[in-house]
Amino acid sequence: MEEEEQEEARALLADSPDGAGSDAPAASGALPALCDPRRLAHRLLVLLLMCFLGFGSYFCYDNPASLQTQVKRDMHVNTTRFMLLYAWYSWPNVVLCFFGGFLIDRVFGIRWGTLIFSCFVCIGQIILALGGIFNAFWLMEFGRFVFGIGGESLAVAQNTYAVSWFKGKELNLVFGLQLSMARIGSTVNMNLMGWLYSKVEALLGSAGHTTLGVTLMIGGIACILSLICALALAYLDQRAEKILHKEEGKTGEVIKLADVKDFSLPLWLIFVICVCYYVVVFPFIGLGKVFFTEKFGFSFQAASAINSIVYVISAPMSPIFGLVVDKTGKNIIWVLCAVVTTLASHMLLAFTLWNPWTAMCLLGLSYSLLACALWPMVAFVVPEHQLGTAYGFMQSIQNLGLAVVSIIAGMILDTRGYLFLEVFFIACVSMSLSAVVLLYLVNHVQGGNLNYSARQRKEIQLSHADLIITRSIHAVKKESREKGRERERGERDRERSGEELEISTPICALTRQAQGFEPVTSAFPGRRFIHCATTEEQKACETLLDRYCGAHSLCL
């Protein structure tokens, strides 16, 4: 069986240097490297496909925002109904955020799951466009609902591919690049769709619902591009599975609704911060284009540019802020800075006539910073087995908040105008600020680690791991001794004979002082080994070391 697998791998790598025979040409060029999943060039090709996998979804998500004036005029709807296009996207994800990972892991698999969710995105965009062509706004709403079914789950699949291909290598960089590409998709949409509508209008001779529908249909080409990337990724992943004998990627999420009752107060405060913050960003961008034209007198093209500046800034700054937060810690302080900056941004937009570029740049910086500081805090306050539930619940209530606030924002704009809408957004940010302050106080009183520096967290992690490993080693030795006493008296114990077995796995630096095991300096300088009296003890220790040393970057 192994020979057949090896033969198949050699056939798949027939053109690569590693898979070719000894008489293959030495200079095989770039193509073999692109074809070999063990080479960096191939992984970069996969990364490119991963980035464009989500490009279409993010490009089309804000199609209504970039065509706000045209949608309201051509479909004869007010702002409340217009914002339903965003609400219908969020409604299915109130539920699907819990089960997207489960469907990928247990039902479809990563490859089929990605293809299915990409198809939902494409079909949803086509239905949206047909609603414009046939002048049926209810059909547009249905299209956004279908689009939403695939949109968020496709992001889960994208992250799963990233972990499968880059775990232990360039994973943090990959996540940053994927987020940047998503923001680029949103930026391109904001600056392209208005121009595209004008070109279609000139081609058809008049504006109207048909022009709107055709424009949205052309925009759907981006979703087709994402579907093609999904097909290519499925092929390359299946091929790499055969060559490298690796398992199909899984999300690793374990969703248990019963865990919700065990959530702590700091976690609930994090949820409040998340909802109250994001509802003042995405709905505002959805309505921002008309705001900048009416209040500041910008042209439609200039309004689209300034409305997209949040995404433009987020693309390069998200990886940078992520690195800064990783190096410094102090997550609550960073979240506080982000929320205060967002509050100042909305106050400038509401109560001054200053150039809005300043306020929008502040909003872009704060939006990037909050994402890097807020979401990792969940891992600090819940056990590992509850992470899937916590993140799923956080995304679920975020989508619930976006759906509800999108409708409320449209109603306020129809009845009161943009000033009252900005006051509503300021109130939401103020609630988020209050939750941040309360979280700081609760964390301080409880002695939590949410505001620790990176150095403090590292020291606590090392101390905790040292205690776990030391206790576990003692337990292994005790269990091994008990088994040894039960053996037949005729069997000579290796411990008495002086024979020693060395574990070939290097021990984490944390276990150097572990009591009960004698350090050995052998033919491997700079590494530490431990004596094991029996084979059973050796196997048990190897299991422990794989479990705990594998979780740290301190192995020698």
Protein backbone atom coordinates (compact mmCIF):
# COMPACT_ATOMS: atom_id res chain seq x y z
CA MET A 1 0.00 0.00 0.00
CA GLU A 2 2.82 2.41 0.89
CA GLU A 3 4.56 1.59 -2.38
CA GLU A 4 1.41 2.49 -4.32
CA GLU A 5 1.12 5.81 -2.47
CA GLN A 6 4.77 6.59 -3.14
CA GLU A 7 4.34 5.73 -6.81
CA GLU A 8 1.31 8.05 -6.99
CA ALA A 9 3.26 10.84 -5.31
CA ARG A 10 6.12 10.39 -7.77
CA ALA A 11 3.65 10.57 -10.63
CA LEU A 12 2.15 13.79 -9.27
CA LEU A 13 5.63 15.26 -8.91
CA ALA A 14 6.94 13.97 -12.20
CA ASP A 15 8.08 17.43 -13.27
CA SER A 16 9.57 18.53 -9.92
CA PRO A 17 13.19 18.15 -8.84
CA ASP A 18 12.23 16.21 -5.74
CA GLY A 19 10.02 13.81 -7.58
CA ALA A 20 12.00 13.27 -10.74
CA GLY A 21 14.47 10.53 -11.40
CA SER A 22 18.18 10.94 -11.12
CA ASP A 23 18.48 11.46 -14.87
CA ALA A 24 16.04 14.38 -14.89
CA PRO A 25 17.37 17.70 -16.02
CA ALA A 26 19.08 19.55 -13.23
CA ALA A 27 17.78 22.94 -14.23
CA SER A 28 14.06 22.42 -13.91
CA GLY A 29 13.12 26.07 -13.65
CA ALA A 30 10.32 27.73 -11.71
CA LEU A 31 7.47 25.51 -12.86
CA PRO A 32 8.51 22.43 -10.85
CA ALA A 33 8.80 24.56 -7.69
CA LEU A 34 5.28 25.84 -8.28
CA CYS A 35 4.08 22.26 -8.63
CA ASP A 36 5.77 20.89 -5.50
CA PRO A 37 3.74 21.47 -2.29
CA ARG A 38 6.93 21.10 -0.27
CA ARG A 39 8.40 24.23 -1.85
CA LEU A 40 7.87 27.85 -0.82
CA ALA A 41 6.88 28.86 -4.35
CA HIS A 42 3.94 26.45 -4.27
CA ARG A 43 2.80 27.72 -0.87
CA LEU A 44 2.93 31.29 -2.18
CA LEU A 45 0.71 30.24 -5.08
CA VAL A 46 -1.73 28.73 -2.58
CA LEU A 47 -1.58 31.93 -0.50
CA LEU A 48 -2.47 34.00 -3.55
CA LEU A 49 -5.50 31.80 -4.18
CA MET A 50 -6.50 32.05 -0.50
CA CYS A 51 -6.39 35.84 -0.61
CA PHE A 52 -8.54 36.05 -3.75
CA LEU A 53 -10.91 33.44 -2.31
CA GLY A 54 -12.41 36.09 -0.04
CA PHE A 55 -11.90 39.03 -2.41
CA GLY A 56 -15.23 38.57 -4.22
CA SER A 57 -17.25 38.28 -1.04
CA TYR A 58 -15.84 41.46 0.47
CA PHE A 59 -16.06 43.30 -2.86
CA CYS A 60 -19.77 42.56 -3.22
CA TYR A 61 -20.68 42.99 0.45
CA ASP A 62 -20.54 46.78 0.18
CA ASN A 63 -22.07 47.03 -3.31
CA PRO A 64 -25.16 48.71 -1.78
CA ALA A 65 -22.98 51.31 0.00
CA SER A 66 -21.16 52.28 -3.19
CA LEU A 67 -24.50 52.56 -5.06
CA GLN A 68 -26.65 53.99 -2.27
CA THR A 69 -28.05 56.89 -4.29
CA GLN A 70 -28.68 54.76 -7.36
CA VAL A 71 -30.40 51.96 -5.40
CA LYS A 72 -32.73 54.34 -3.57
CA ARG A 73 -33.57 56.25 -6.76
CA ASP A 74 -33.93 53.38 -9.20
CA MET A 75 -35.76 51.01 -6.85
CA HIS A 76 -37.89 53.78 -5.26
CA VAL A 77 -37.09 52.83 -1.66
CA ASN A 78 -36.33 54.91 1.41
CA THR A 79 -33.25 54.54 3.61
CA THR A 80 -34.96 52.10 5.99
CA ARG A 81 -35.65 49.63 3.18
CA PHE A 82 -32.23 50.26 1.68
CA MET A 83 -30.55 49.25 4.96
CA LEU A 84 -32.49 45.99 4.88
CA LEU A 85 -29.96 44.88 2.26
CA TYR A 86 -27.39 44.84 5.07
CA ALA A 87 -29.78 43.46 7.67
CA TRP A 88 -30.70 40.46 5.49
CA TYR A 89 -27.00 39.66 5.10
CA SER A 90 -26.58 39.53 8.88
CA TRP A 91 -29.70 37.57 9.83
CA PRO A 92 -28.55 34.10 8.65
CA ASN A 93 -25.17 34.60 10.32
CA VAL A 94 -26.80 35.00 13.71
CA VAL A 95 -27.16 31.21 13.49
CA LEU A 96 -24.51 30.15 10.98
CA CYS A 97 -21.64 31.60 13.02
CA PHE A 98 -22.25 28.74 15.44
CA PHE A 99 -22.39 26.00 12.83
CA GLY A 100 -20.13 27.11 9.97
CA GLY A 101 -17.10 25.40 11.48
CA PHE A 102 -19.12 22.28 12.30
CA LEU A 103 -20.35 22.00 8.71
CA ILE A 104 -16.79 22.28 7.39
CA ASP A 105 -15.37 19.79 9.89
CA ARG A 106 -18.05 17.14 10.05
CA VAL A 107 -20.37 17.45 7.05
CA PHE A 108 -18.79 18.89 3.91
CA GLY A 109 -15.07 18.92 4.56
CA ILE A 110 -12.90 21.94 3.81
CA ARG A 111 -12.82 21.48 0.02
CA TRP A 112 -16.51 20.84 -0.59
CA GLY A 113 -17.45 23.35 2.12
CA THR A 114 -15.46 26.10 0.41
CA LEU A 115 -17.02 25.30 -2.96
CA ILE A 116 -20.56 25.23 -1.55
CA PHE A 117 -20.20 28.51 0.33
CA SER A 118 -18.59 30.13 -2.74
CA CYS A 119 -21.59 29.01 -4.78
CA PHE A 120 -23.94 30.61 -2.23
CA VAL A 121 -22.03 33.88 -2.59
CA CYS A 122 -22.24 33.75 -6.40
CA ILE A 123 -25.91 32.77 -6.48
CA GLY A 124 -26.79 35.46 -3.94
CA GLN A 125 -25.11 38.17 -6.02
CA ILE A 126 -26.85 36.95 -9.18
CA ILE A 127 -30.25 37.03 -7.45
CA LEU A 128 -29.47 40.55 -6.19
CA ALA A 129 -28.71 41.67 -9.73
CA LEU A 130 -31.83 40.00 -11.13
CA GLY A 131 -33.88 41.85 -8.54
CA GLY A 132 -32.61 45.09 -10.03
CA ILE A 133 -33.19 43.99 -13.61
CA PHE A 134 -36.80 42.92 -12.92
CA ASN A 135 -37.48 45.87 -10.58
CA ALA A 136 -38.23 43.57 -7.63
CA PHE A 137 -36.70 44.84 -4.41
CA TRP A 138 -37.93 41.79 -2.47
CA LEU A 139 -35.82 39.67 -4.82
CA MET A 140 -32.80 41.83 -4.03
CA GLU A 141 -33.43 41.26 -0.32
CA PHE A 142 -33.62 37.52 -0.89
CA GLY A 143 -30.37 37.66 -2.83
CA ARG A 144 -28.63 39.35 0.08
CA PHE A 145 -29.97 36.66 2.41
CA VAL A 146 -28.50 33.92 0.21
CA PHE A 147 -25.27 35.91 -0.10
CA GLY A 148 -25.06 36.10 3.68
CA ILE A 149 -25.39 32.32 4.03
CA GLY A 150 -22.13 31.90 2.16
CA GLY A 151 -20.23 35.05 3.11
CA GLU A 152 -19.28 34.50 6.75
CA SER A 153 -18.85 30.73 6.42
CA LEU A 154 -16.54 31.28 3.45
CA ALA A 155 -14.32 33.36 5.75
CA VAL A 156 -14.19 30.39 8.16
CA ALA A 157 -13.16 28.12 5.29
CA GLN A 158 -10.49 30.61 4.23
CA ASN A 159 -8.98 30.59 7.73
CA THR A 160 -9.10 26.80 7.81
CA TYR A 161 -7.10 26.58 4.60
CA ALA A 162 -4.57 29.01 6.07
CA VAL A 163 -4.05 26.89 9.18
CA SER A 164 -3.81 23.70 7.11
CA TRP A 165 -1.08 25.06 4.84
CA PHE A 166 0.87 27.49 7.03
CA LYS A 167 0.55 26.35 10.64
CA GLY A 168 3.95 26.59 12.32
CA LYS A 169 5.41 28.56 9.40
CA GLU A 170 4.09 31.96 8.29
CA LEU A 171 0.58 31.75 9.80
CA ASN A 172 0.42 35.21 11.44
CA LEU A 173 1.64 36.86 8.25
CA VAL A 174 -0.88 34.87 6.22
CA PHE A 175 -3.80 36.01 8.38
CA GLY A 176 -2.62 39.60 8.05
CA LEU A 177 -2.37 39.34 4.27
CA GLN A 178 -5.82 37.78 4.01
CA LEU A 179 -7.32 40.61 6.06
CA SER A 180 -5.49 43.17 3.93
CA MET A 181 -6.80 41.61 0.71
CA ALA A 182 -10.34 41.68 2.15
CA ARG A 183 -10.01 45.42 2.82
CA ILE A 184 -8.60 45.95 -0.66
CA GLY A 185 -11.71 44.25 -2.07
CA SER A 186 -13.94 46.64 -0.13
CA THR A 187 -11.86 49.63 -1.24
CA VAL A 188 -11.99 48.66 -4.91
CA ASN A 189 -15.76 48.28 -4.66
CA MET A 190 -16.22 51.73 -3.13
CA ASN A 191 -14.25 53.42 -5.89
CA LEU A 192 -15.29 51.27 -8.87
CA MET A 193 -19.01 50.56 -8.75
CA GLY A 194 -20.16 54.18 -9.11
CA TRP A 195 -17.96 54.63 -12.17
CA LEU A 196 -19.18 51.29 -13.55
CA TYR A 197 -22.81 52.40 -13.13
CA SER A 198 -22.14 55.56 -15.12
CA LYS A 199 -20.57 53.53 -17.95
CA VAL A 200 -23.52 51.11 -18.07
CA GLU A 201 -25.89 54.09 -18.02
CA ALA A 202 -24.10 55.60 -20.98
CA LEU A 203 -24.23 52.27 -22.81
CA LEU A 204 -27.95 51.68 -22.22
CA GLY A 205 -28.88 55.33 -22.74
CA SER A 206 -30.67 55.93 -19.44
CA ALA A 207 -30.54 55.29 -15.71
CA GLY A 208 -33.01 52.99 -14.02
CA HIS A 209 -33.44 49.61 -12.40
CA THR A 210 -32.10 47.79 -15.47
CA THR A 211 -28.88 49.78 -15.36
CA LEU A 212 -28.59 49.01 -11.65
CA GLY A 213 -29.14 45.30 -12.21
CA VAL A 214 -26.62 45.08 -15.03
CA THR A 215 -24.04 46.93 -12.90
CA LEU A 216 -24.53 44.50 -10.02
CA MET A 217 -24.31 41.57 -12.41
CA ILE A 218 -20.96 42.80 -13.74
CA GLY A 219 -19.78 43.27 -10.16
CA GLY A 220 -20.62 39.62 -9.58
CA ILE A 221 -17.62 38.70 -11.75
CA ALA A 222 -15.57 39.13 -8.59
CA CYS A 223 -17.58 36.32 -6.99
CA ILE A 224 -16.94 34.12 -10.02
CA LEU A 225 -13.24 34.80 -9.52
CA SER A 226 -13.53 33.61 -5.92
CA LEU A 227 -15.32 30.45 -7.06
CA ILE A 228 -12.50 29.71 -9.51
CA CYS A 229 -10.00 30.16 -6.67
CA ALA A 230 -12.05 27.73 -4.57
CA LEU A 231 -11.88 25.12 -7.35
CA ALA A 232 -8.13 25.60 -7.76
CA LEU A 233 -7.56 25.38 -3.99
CA ALA A 234 -9.61 22.19 -3.78
CA TYR A 235 -7.47 20.58 -6.49
CA LEU A 236 -4.16 21.70 -4.99
CA ASP A 237 -5.18 20.69 -1.48
CA GLN A 238 -6.27 17.23 -2.60
CA ARG A 239 -3.04 16.84 -4.57
CA ALA A 240 -0.94 17.93 -1.59
CA GLU A 241 -2.84 15.49 0.63
CA LYS A 242 -1.74 12.61 -1.58
CA ILE A 243 1.85 13.81 -1.92
CA LEU A 244 2.49 14.86 1.68
CA HIS A 245 0.07 12.39 3.30
CA LYS A 246 -1.48 15.21 5.29
CA GLU A 247 -4.98 15.34 6.69
CA GLU A 248 -7.68 17.56 5.25
CA GLY A 249 -7.87 20.86 7.11
CA LYS A 250 -10.36 21.33 9.92
CA THR A 251 -11.47 24.38 11.84
CA GLY A 252 -10.86 22.81 15.24
CA GLU A 253 -13.94 24.59 16.61
CA VAL A 254 -16.04 22.81 19.21
CA ILE A 255 -19.42 24.50 19.63
CA LYS A 256 -21.35 23.69 22.82
CA LEU A 257 -24.26 25.98 23.61
CA ALA A 258 -24.22 24.71 27.19
CA ASP A 259 -20.91 26.53 27.70
CA VAL A 260 -22.67 29.90 27.46
CA LYS A 261 -23.87 29.61 31.05
CA ASP A 262 -20.25 29.41 32.21
CA PHE A 263 -19.14 32.64 30.51
CA SER A 264 -17.55 35.09 32.93
CA LEU A 265 -18.39 38.76 33.42
CA PRO A 266 -15.25 39.97 31.58
CA LEU A 267 -16.27 37.91 28.54
CA TRP A 268 -19.77 39.40 28.51
CA LEU A 269 -18.22 42.87 28.70
CA ILE A 270 -16.03 41.99 25.70
CA PHE A 271 -19.22 41.02 23.84
CA VAL A 272 -20.80 44.40 24.70
CA ILE A 273 -17.70 46.26 23.49
CA CYS A 274 -17.71 44.28 20.24
CA VAL A 275 -21.36 44.88 19.40
CA CYS A 276 -21.50 48.55 20.43
CA TYR A 277 -18.33 49.33 18.49
CA TYR A 278 -18.93 47.56 15.19
CA VAL A 279 -22.49 48.88 14.84
CA VAL A 280 -21.05 52.40 14.47
CA VAL A 281 -18.56 51.39 11.77
CA PHE A 282 -20.26 49.18 9.19
CA PRO A 283 -23.71 50.86 9.14
CA PHE A 284 -22.00 54.26 8.96
CA ILE A 285 -19.93 53.17 5.96
CA GLY A 286 -23.10 51.80 4.38
CA LEU A 287 -24.70 55.25 4.64
CA GLY A 288 -21.59 57.40 4.45
CA LYS A 289 -21.48 58.25 0.75
CA VAL A 290 -24.65 60.37 0.81
CA PHE A 291 -23.60 61.85 4.16
CA PHE A 292 -20.41 63.29 2.68
CA THR A 293 -22.18 64.65 -0.40
CA GLU A 294 -25.01 66.32 1.56
CA LYS A 295 -23.09 67.77 4.52
CA PHE A 296 -19.69 68.52 3.00
CA GLY A 297 -20.65 69.04 -0.63
CA PHE A 298 -18.35 66.32 -1.99
CA SER A 299 -18.80 64.90 -5.44
CA PHE A 300 -19.90 61.29 -5.70
CA GLN A 301 -16.39 60.22 -6.67
CA ALA A 302 -14.78 62.11 -3.77
CA ALA A 303 -17.43 60.79 -1.37
CA SER A 304 -16.69 57.22 -2.45
CA ALA A 305 -12.97 57.78 -1.90
CA ILE A 306 -13.35 59.18 1.61
CA ASN A 307 -15.92 56.55 2.52
CA SER A 308 -13.41 53.83 1.63
CA ILE A 309 -10.50 55.35 3.57
CA VAL A 310 -11.32 53.16 6.59
CA TYR A 311 -10.61 50.05 4.54
CA VAL A 312 -7.60 51.64 2.82
CA ILE A 313 -5.97 52.32 6.19
CA SER A 314 -6.98 48.95 7.61
CA ALA A 315 -5.25 47.00 4.82
CA PRO A 316 -1.66 47.90 5.80
CA MET A 317 -2.20 48.85 9.45
CA SER A 318 -3.92 45.68 10.69
CA PRO A 319 -0.74 43.53 10.50
CA ILE A 320 1.32 46.38 11.99
CA PHE A 321 -1.03 46.95 14.92
CA GLY A 322 -1.23 43.19 15.46
CA LEU A 323 2.54 43.06 15.85
CA VAL A 324 2.52 46.04 18.23
CA VAL A 325 -0.14 44.49 20.46
CA ASP A 326 1.69 41.15 20.45
CA LYS A 327 4.92 42.83 21.56
CA THR A 328 3.44 45.13 24.22
CA GLY A 329 0.36 43.39 25.64
CA LYS A 330 -1.92 45.77 27.58
CA ASN A 331 -4.94 44.82 25.48
CA ILE A 332 -7.48 46.80 27.50
CA ILE A 333 -5.45 49.99 27.14
CA TRP A 334 -5.24 49.53 23.37
CA VAL A 335 -8.99 48.87 23.16
CA LEU A 336 -9.60 51.98 25.25
CA CYS A 337 -7.46 54.05 22.86
CA ALA A 338 -9.36 52.68 19.86
CA VAL A 339 -12.81 53.40 21.33
CA VAL A 340 -11.87 56.92 22.47
CA THR A 341 -10.44 57.70 19.02
CA THR A 342 -13.62 56.42 17.36
CA LEU A 343 -15.73 58.57 19.69
CA ALA A 344 -13.66 61.63 18.76
CA SER A 345 -14.03 60.78 15.08
CA HIS A 346 -17.83 60.65 15.19
CA MET A 347 -18.00 63.83 17.26
CA LEU A 348 -15.92 65.65 14.65
CA LEU A 349 -18.21 64.39 11.90
CA ALA A 350 -21.37 65.31 13.83
CA PHE A 351 -20.61 68.73 15.30
CA THR A 352 -17.95 70.32 13.09
CA LEU A 353 -17.44 71.23 9.46
CA TRP A 354 -13.76 70.33 9.52
CA ASN A 355 -12.41 68.42 6.58
CA PRO A 356 -13.79 64.89 7.14
CA TRP A 357 -10.57 63.28 5.94
CA THR A 358 -9.13 63.79 9.43
CA ALA A 359 -12.05 62.12 11.18
CA MET A 360 -12.17 59.23 8.73
CA CYS A 361 -8.44 58.60 9.02
CA LEU A 362 -8.84 58.46 12.80
CA LEU A 363 -11.73 56.03 12.34
CA GLY A 364 -9.62 53.83 10.07
CA LEU A 365 -6.74 53.70 12.55
CA SER A 366 -8.99 52.96 15.52
CA TYR A 367 -10.93 50.30 13.61
CA SER A 368 -7.67 48.50 12.75
CA LEU A 369 -6.34 48.77 16.31
CA LEU A 370 -9.50 47.50 17.99
CA ALA A 371 -9.67 44.37 15.84
CA CYS A 372 -6.08 43.47 16.83
CA ALA A 373 -6.57 44.11 20.56
CA LEU A 374 -10.16 43.01 21.24
CA TRP A 375 -10.57 39.62 19.56
CA PRO A 376 -7.49 37.98 21.15
CA MET A 377 -8.78 38.86 24.63
CA VAL A 378 -11.40 36.12 24.37
CA ALA A 379 -8.64 33.50 24.56
CA PHE A 380 -7.45 35.02 27.86
CA VAL A 381 -10.75 34.63 29.72
CA VAL A 382 -12.16 31.27 28.55
CA PRO A 383 -10.70 27.75 28.64
CA GLU A 384 -9.44 26.31 25.37
CA HIS A 385 -12.35 23.88 25.04
CA GLN A 386 -14.79 26.83 25.11
CA LEU A 387 -13.01 29.00 22.53
CA GLY A 388 -15.14 27.81 19.62
CA THR A 389 -18.34 28.56 21.52
CA ALA A 390 -17.10 31.94 22.70
CA TYR A 391 -15.99 33.14 19.28
CA GLY A 392 -19.11 31.73 17.63
CA PHE A 393 -21.33 33.51 20.15
CA MET A 394 -19.35 36.74 19.73
CA GLN A 395 -19.78 36.69 15.95
CA SER A 396 -23.42 35.72 16.33
CA ILE A 397 -24.39 38.65 18.56
CA GLN A 398 -22.25 40.95 16.42
CA ASN A 399 -24.33 40.02 13.38
CA LEU A 400 -27.51 40.37 15.43
CA GLY A 401 -26.45 43.86 16.47
CA LEU A 402 -25.55 44.81 12.90
CA ALA A 403 -28.92 43.58 11.61
CA VAL A 404 -30.91 45.50 14.22
CA VAL A 405 -28.85 48.70 14.11
CA SER A 406 -28.91 48.77 10.30
CA ILE A 407 -32.71 48.96 10.42
CA ILE A 408 -32.68 51.52 13.25
CA ALA A 409 -30.14 53.68 11.42
CA GLY A 410 -32.30 53.72 8.30
CA MET A 411 -35.37 54.72 10.31
CA ILE A 412 -33.48 57.54 12.06
CA LEU A 413 -32.13 58.85 8.77
CA ASP A 414 -35.60 58.85 7.18
CA THR A 415 -37.24 60.68 10.06
CA ARG A 416 -34.53 62.80 11.73
CA GLY A 417 -31.56 63.20 9.42
CA TYR A 418 -27.84 62.65 9.65
CA LEU A 419 -27.25 64.74 12.79
CA PHE A 420 -29.51 62.51 14.89
CA LEU A 421 -27.95 59.47 13.28
CA GLU A 422 -24.50 60.65 14.37
CA VAL A 423 -25.81 61.29 17.89
CA PHE A 424 -27.12 57.70 17.91
CA PHE A 425 -23.70 56.41 16.82
CA ILE A 426 -22.01 58.52 19.51
CA ALA A 427 -24.34 56.99 22.11
CA CYS A 428 -23.37 53.49 20.94
CA VAL A 429 -19.65 54.30 21.11
CA SER A 430 -20.18 55.76 24.59
CA MET A 431 -21.75 52.47 25.69
CA SER A 432 -18.71 50.66 24.31
CA LEU A 433 -16.43 53.08 26.22
CA SER A 434 -18.33 52.46 29.44
CA ALA A 435 -17.96 48.72 28.94
CA VAL A 436 -14.19 49.12 28.42
CA VAL A 437 -13.81 51.11 31.65
CA LEU A 438 -15.90 48.55 33.53
CA LEU A 439 -13.84 45.74 32.05
CA TYR A 440 -10.65 47.44 33.26
CA LEU A 441 -12.05 47.72 36.80
CA VAL A 442 -13.37 44.15 36.89
CA ASN A 443 -10.09 42.80 35.54
CA HIS A 444 -8.15 44.78 38.18
CA VAL A 445 -10.36 43.62 41.06
CA GLN A 446 -10.30 39.97 39.95
CA GLY A 447 -6.56 40.00 39.25
CA GLY A 448 -7.13 39.08 35.61
CA ASN A 449 -4.50 39.01 32.89
CA LEU A 450 -6.27 41.05 30.21
CA ASN A 451 -4.07 44.09 30.83
CA TYR A 452 -0.80 42.30 31.46
CA SER A 453 2.23 43.23 29.44
CA ALA A 454 3.60 40.67 27.01
CA ARG A 455 6.48 39.97 29.41
CA GLN A 456 4.14 39.31 32.36
CA ARG A 457 2.06 36.89 30.30
CA LYS A 458 5.14 35.03 29.19
CA GLU A 459 6.40 34.66 32.77
CA ILE A 460 3.02 33.40 33.99
CA GLN A 461 2.78 30.99 31.06
CA LEU A 462 6.22 29.60 31.83
CA SER A 463 5.47 29.24 35.53
CA HIS A 464 2.14 27.52 34.87
CA ALA A 465 3.62 25.15 32.30
CA ASP A 466 6.51 24.33 34.65
CA LEU A 467 4.06 23.36 37.39
CA ILE A 468 1.95 21.23 35.03
CA ILE A 469 4.92 19.37 33.60
CA THR A 470 6.52 18.76 37.00
CA ARG A 471 3.31 17.36 38.46
CA SER A 472 2.69 15.26 35.37
CA ILE A 473 6.19 13.78 35.46
CA HIS A 474 5.76 12.80 39.11
CA ALA A 475 2.43 11.18 38.25
CA VAL A 476 4.03 9.22 35.41
CA LYS A 477 6.83 7.98 37.64
CA LYS A 478 4.40 6.96 40.36
CA GLU A 479 2.19 5.06 37.91
CA SER A 480 5.22 3.37 36.40
CA ARG A 481 6.46 2.21 39.81
CA GLU A 482 3.07 0.76 40.66
CA LYS A 483 3.04 -1.23 37.43
CA GLY A 484 6.58 -2.43 38.10
CA ARG A 485 5.65 -3.89 41.49
CA GLU A 486 2.92 -5.96 39.88
CA ARG A 487 5.24 -7.67 37.45
CA GLU A 488 6.51 -11.12 37.95
CA ARG A 489 9.34 -11.27 40.46
CA GLY A 490 11.44 -13.20 37.96
CA GLU A 491 11.69 -10.25 35.57
CA ARG A 492 14.79 -8.26 36.19
CA ASP A 493 14.05 -4.60 36.55
CA ARG A 494 16.09 -2.42 34.19
CA GLU A 495 16.49 0.17 36.85
CA ARG A 496 18.44 -2.31 39.02
CA SER A 497 20.60 -3.48 36.14
CA GLY A 498 21.67 0.04 35.42
CA GLU A 499 20.29 0.03 31.89
CA GLU A 500 18.93 3.36 30.92
CA LEU A 501 16.74 4.42 28.11
CA GLU A 502 17.05 7.95 26.80
CA ILE A 503 14.12 9.73 25.31
CA SER A 504 15.20 11.15 21.98
CA THR A 505 12.71 13.99 22.21
CA PRO A 506 14.38 17.12 23.66
CA ILE A 507 12.68 18.39 26.78
CA CYS A 508 11.24 21.85 27.03
CA ALA A 509 13.43 24.26 28.97
CA LEU A 510 10.66 24.37 31.55
CA THR A 511 11.41 20.82 32.72
CA ARG A 512 15.10 21.30 33.43
CA GLN A 513 14.35 21.69 37.11
CA ALA A 514 11.66 19.01 37.17
CA GLN A 515 12.25 16.89 40.25
CA GLY A 516 12.63 13.16 40.09
CA PHE A 517 14.40 12.94 36.73
CA GLU A 518 18.15 13.05 36.43
CA PRO A 519 19.44 15.32 33.62
CA VAL A 520 21.83 13.57 31.30
CA THR A 521 24.45 15.19 29.09
CA SER A 522 25.18 12.71 26.38
CA ALA A 523 26.32 12.81 22.80
CA PHE A 524 23.86 15.62 22.16
CA PRO A 525 25.43 18.79 23.60
CA GLY A 526 23.09 21.57 24.59
CA ARG A 527 20.10 19.21 25.04
CA ARG A 528 18.64 17.63 28.11
CA PHE A 529 17.33 14.11 28.44
CA ILE A 530 15.77 12.15 31.27
CA HIS A 531 16.35 8.64 32.54
CA CYS A 532 13.45 6.27 32.18
CA ALA A 533 13.48 3.05 34.11
CA THR A 534 10.98 1.20 31.93
CA THR A 535 9.64 1.19 28.41
CA GLU A 536 6.16 2.10 29.69
CA GLU A 537 7.59 5.06 31.51
CA GLN A 538 9.41 6.12 28.38
CA LYS A 539 6.23 6.06 26.29
CA ALA A 540 4.26 7.96 28.91
CA CYS A 541 6.94 10.63 29.17
CA GLU A 542 7.11 10.98 25.40
CA THR A 543 3.36 11.59 25.34
CA LEU A 544 3.65 14.28 28.01
CA LEU A 545 6.56 15.99 26.33
CA ASP A 546 4.80 16.00 22.95
CA ARG A 547 1.75 17.51 24.60
CA TYR A 548 3.39 20.26 26.62
CA CYS A 549 6.62 20.99 24.78
CA GLY A 550 4.73 21.19 21.52
CA ALA A 551 2.69 24.07 22.94
CA HIS A 552 5.74 26.25 23.60
CA SER A 553 8.46 27.74 21.49
CA LEU A 554 11.12 27.05 24.12
CA CYS A 555 12.15 23.56 23.05
CA LEU A 556 15.88 23.37 22.54
